Structures are given as C-alpha cells and as structure tokens.
Amino acid sequence: MQTTKRHLIIEGILNGILLVFPIILFTIGGIGMAEHNPSHPNALILGGNLLMGVLSLVMLTVYTFSWHRHGWHRLPFFRRSLIIFYGLWLIIGLWTWLKFLSILV
C-alpha cells in the first residue's frame, strides 16, 4: 500500500497528540523545580520520562512492523525519523525505569 501525503499528515498529528502529555509533564515539573516548589515537581519529570518510555516502546513496535513490511529505503523520511526518535527515547526511558527501580545504581 502506497503511503499518501494525507496519511503522513494524519500520522504526524497523531504523534503530536501522543507527545503532548509527556512534554506538558516535563514543562510543569521543570518550572516547579526552577521555582523550588516543595510539592515534588521532580516526580512530574520522572512520570513524563517514564510515560515517554512506555509510549516509545509501543510506537517503536508499530513502526518496526512498517519497517519490516516496506524496507528501510522505501519508508518515507518522516517514518524513518520517527523510528530513530522513538528508538532514542526508548533507550532513555529504559535507563530511567532501571534507575527508578534501583536496578542501576
């Protein structure tokens, strides 16, 4: 099936919507830490990072099936960049989960 420009736009909007909530958590937590808020804003940053790790695991799985079906060179640039983006976030999220669970010291 050929990927049309309309499908890529819908896919981009969907990815944007999915990424908004972790980014909001990062922003609110960062502002709270800058203001020295005593209500644990670092938990918001940790929650956003952990949520981003789970989201990247799911989305990387979806895009890996697309990669397997079409091949790397036949994928649009947008999908290739999302595979790389979610792969990097999966590494960061996995590292955060391992630090949070005290598996890594």
C-alpha atoms as a PDB file:
ATOM      1  CA  MET A   1       0.000   0.000   0.000  1.00  0.00           C
ATOM      2  CA  GLN A   2       1.388   3.374  -1.012  1.00  0.00           C
ATOM      3  CA  THR A   3       1.656   5.969   1.734  1.00  0.00           C
ATOM      4  CA  THR A   4      -0.104   9.148   0.709  1.00  0.00           C
ATOM      5  CA  LYS A   5       0.578  12.651   1.928  1.00  0.00           C
ATOM      6  CA  ARG A   6      -2.766  12.628   3.748  1.00  0.00           C
ATOM      7  CA  HIS A   7      -1.767   9.505   5.719  1.00  0.00           C
ATOM      8  CA  LEU A   8       1.525  11.116   6.695  1.00  0.00           C
ATOM      9  CA  ILE A   9      -0.268  14.269   7.891  1.00  0.00           C
ATOM     10  CA  ILE A  10      -2.714  12.229   9.987  1.00  0.00           C
ATOM     11  CA  GLU A  11       0.194  10.192  11.346  1.00  0.00           C
ATOM     12  CA  GLY A  12       2.084  13.373  12.234  1.00  0.00           C
ATOM     13  CA  ILE A  13      -0.934  14.847  14.025  1.00  0.00           C
ATOM     14  CA  LEU A  14      -1.447  11.598  15.958  1.00  0.00           C
ATOM     15  CA  ASN A  15       2.205  11.519  17.032  1.00  0.00           C
ATOM     16  CA  GLY A  16       1.982  15.168  18.064  1.00  0.00           C
ATOM     17  CA  ILE A  17      -1.079  14.481  20.215  1.00  0.00           C
ATOM     18  CA  LEU A  18       0.622  11.491  21.851  1.00  0.00           C
ATOM     19  CA  LEU A  19       3.741  13.513  22.641  1.00  0.00           C
ATOM     20  CA  VAL A  20       1.902  16.486  24.171  1.00  0.00           C
ATOM     21  CA  PHE A  21       1.167  14.935  27.587  1.00  0.00           C
ATOM     22  CA  PRO A  22       4.762  13.887  28.449  1.00  0.00           C
ATOM     23  CA  ILE A  23       6.029  17.274  27.247  1.00  0.00           C
ATOM     24  CA  ILE A  24       3.482  19.034  29.469  1.00  0.00           C
ATOM     25  CA  LEU A  25       4.669  16.937  32.424  1.00  0.00           C
ATOM     26  CA  PHE A  26       8.306  17.846  31.650  1.00  0.00           C
ATOM     27  CA  THR A  27       7.436  21.532  31.419  1.00  0.00           C
ATOM     28  CA  ILE A  28       5.361  21.724  34.598  1.00  0.00           C
ATOM     29  CA  GLY A  29       7.985  19.735  36.517  1.00  0.00           C
ATOM     30  CA  GLY A  30      10.817  21.914  35.208  1.00  0.00           C
ATOM     31  CA  ILE A  31       9.002  25.114  36.135  1.00  0.00           C
ATOM     32  CA  GLY A  32       8.251  23.709  39.589  1.00  0.00           C
ATOM     33  CA  MET A  33      11.893  22.783  40.127  1.00  0.00           C
ATOM     34  CA  ALA A  34      13.032  26.222  38.984  1.00  0.00           C
ATOM     35  CA  GLU A  35      10.643  27.822  41.483  1.00  0.00           C
ATOM     36  CA  HIS A  36      11.817  25.445  44.261  1.00  0.00           C
ATOM     37  CA  ASN A  37       8.280  24.144  44.700  1.00  0.00           C
ATOM     38  CA  PRO A  38       8.088  21.825  47.755  1.00  0.00           C
ATOM     39  CA  SER A  39       5.395  19.565  46.234  1.00  0.00           C
ATOM     40  CA  HIS A  40       7.891  17.272  44.431  1.00  0.00           C
ATOM     41  CA  PRO A  41       7.936  18.561  40.835  1.00  0.00           C
ATOM     42  CA  ASN A  42      10.708  16.069  40.064  1.00  0.00           C
ATOM     43  CA  ALA A  43       8.007  13.375  40.200  1.00  0.00           C
ATOM     44  CA  LEU A  44       6.334  15.065  37.233  1.00  0.00           C
ATOM     45  CA  ILE A  45       9.572  14.958  35.260  1.00  0.00           C
ATOM     46  CA  LEU A  46      10.091  11.313  36.202  1.00  0.00           C
ATOM     47  CA  GLY A  47       6.477  10.498  35.307  1.00  0.00           C
ATOM     48  CA  GLY A  48       6.815  12.222  31.947  1.00  0.00           C
ATOM     49  CA  ASN A  49      10.020  10.361  31.219  1.00  0.00           C
ATOM     50  CA  LEU A  50       8.563   7.007  32.228  1.00  0.00           C
ATOM     51  CA  LEU A  51       5.420   7.674  30.184  1.00  0.00           C
ATOM     52  CA  MET A  52       7.590   8.604  27.215  1.00  0.00           C
ATOM     53  CA  GLY A  53       9.491   5.323  27.610  1.00  0.00           C
ATOM     54  CA  VAL A  54       6.298   3.266  27.517  1.00  0.00           C
ATOM     55  CA  LEU A  55       4.930   5.312  24.619  1.00  0.00           C
ATOM     56  CA  SER A  56       8.156   4.883  22.664  1.00  0.00           C
ATOM     57  CA  LEU A  57       8.086   1.119  23.245  1.00  0.00           C
ATOM     58  CA  VAL A  58       4.586   0.870  21.774  1.00  0.00           C
ATOM     59  CA  MET A  59       5.242   3.245  18.871  1.00  0.00           C
ATOM     60  CA  LEU A  60       8.594   1.662  18.028  1.00  0.00           C
ATOM     61  CA  THR A  61       6.846  -1.708  17.808  1.00  0.00           C
ATOM     62  CA  VAL A  62       4.265  -0.248  15.411  1.00  0.00           C
ATOM     63  CA  TYR A  63       6.905   1.386  13.225  1.00  0.00           C
ATOM     64  CA  THR A  64       9.107  -1.715  13.264  1.00  0.00           C
ATOM     65  CA  PHE A  65       6.292  -3.681  11.605  1.00  0.00           C
ATOM     66  CA  SER A  66       6.057  -0.959   8.962  1.00  0.00           C
ATOM     67  CA  TRP A  67       9.823  -1.067   8.519  1.00  0.00           C
ATOM     68  CA  HIS A  68       9.765  -4.850   8.157  1.00  0.00           C
ATOM     69  CA  ARG A  69       6.925  -4.725   5.634  1.00  0.00           C
ATOM     70  CA  HIS A  70       8.245  -1.948   3.371  1.00  0.00           C
ATOM     71  CA  GLY A  71      12.012  -1.961   3.927  1.00  0.00           C
ATOM     72  CA  TRP A  72      14.122   0.916   5.216  1.00  0.00           C
ATOM     73  CA  HIS A  73      14.769   2.605   1.875  1.00  0.00           C
ATOM     74  CA  ARG A  74      11.106   2.597   0.833  1.00  0.00           C
ATOM     75  CA  LEU A  75       9.904   4.236   4.064  1.00  0.00           C
ATOM     76  CA  PRO A  76       9.164   7.963   3.939  1.00  0.00           C
ATOM     77  CA  PHE A  77      11.680  10.222   5.678  1.00  0.00           C
ATOM     78  CA  PHE A  78       9.082  11.086   8.325  1.00  0.00           C
ATOM     79  CA  ARG A  79       8.693   7.458   9.404  1.00  0.00           C
ATOM     80  CA  ARG A  80      12.440   6.839   9.379  1.00  0.00           C
ATOM     81  CA  SER A  81      12.979   9.869  11.616  1.00  0.00           C
ATOM     82  CA  LEU A  82      10.216   8.693  13.977  1.00  0.00           C
ATOM     83  CA  ILE A  83      11.831   5.252  14.243  1.00  0.00           C
ATOM     84  CA  ILE A  84      15.114   6.896  15.236  1.00  0.00           C
ATOM     85  CA  PHE A  85      13.358   9.338  17.625  1.00  0.00           C
ATOM     86  CA  TYR A  86      11.357   6.628  19.387  1.00  0.00           C
ATOM     87  CA  GLY A  87      14.411   4.353  19.500  1.00  0.00           C
ATOM     88  CA  LEU A  88      16.433   7.007  21.306  1.00  0.00           C
ATOM     89  CA  TRP A  89      13.564   7.727  23.690  1.00  0.00           C
ATOM     90  CA  LEU A  90      13.212   4.015  24.369  1.00  0.00           C
ATOM     91  CA  ILE A  91      16.848   3.894  25.460  1.00  0.00           C
ATOM     92  CA  ILE A  92      16.362   6.958  27.678  1.00  0.00           C
ATOM     93  CA  GLY A  93      13.094   5.596  29.084  1.00  0.00           C
ATOM     94  CA  LEU A  94      14.586   2.166  29.741  1.00  0.00           C
ATOM     95  CA  TRP A  95      17.538   3.745  31.522  1.00  0.00           C
ATOM     96  CA  THR A  96      15.129   5.854  33.624  1.00  0.00           C
ATOM     97  CA  TRP A  97      12.995   2.830  34.515  1.00  0.00           C
ATOM     98  CA  LEU A  98      16.084   0.881  35.567  1.00  0.00           C
ATOM     99  CA  LYS A  99      17.294   3.811  37.721  1.00  0.00           C
ATOM    100  CA  PHE A 100      13.793   4.246  39.203  1.00  0.00           C
ATOM    101  CA  LEU A 101      13.572   0.563  40.148  1.00  0.00           C
ATOM    102  CA  SER A 102      17.095   0.746  41.628  1.00  0.00           C
ATOM    103  CA  ILE A 103      18.424  -1.904  39.253  1.00  0.00           C
ATOM    104  CA  LEU A 104      21.107   0.531  38.091  1.00  0.00           C
ATOM    105  CA  VAL A 105      22.921   2.397  40.795  1.00  0.00           C
END
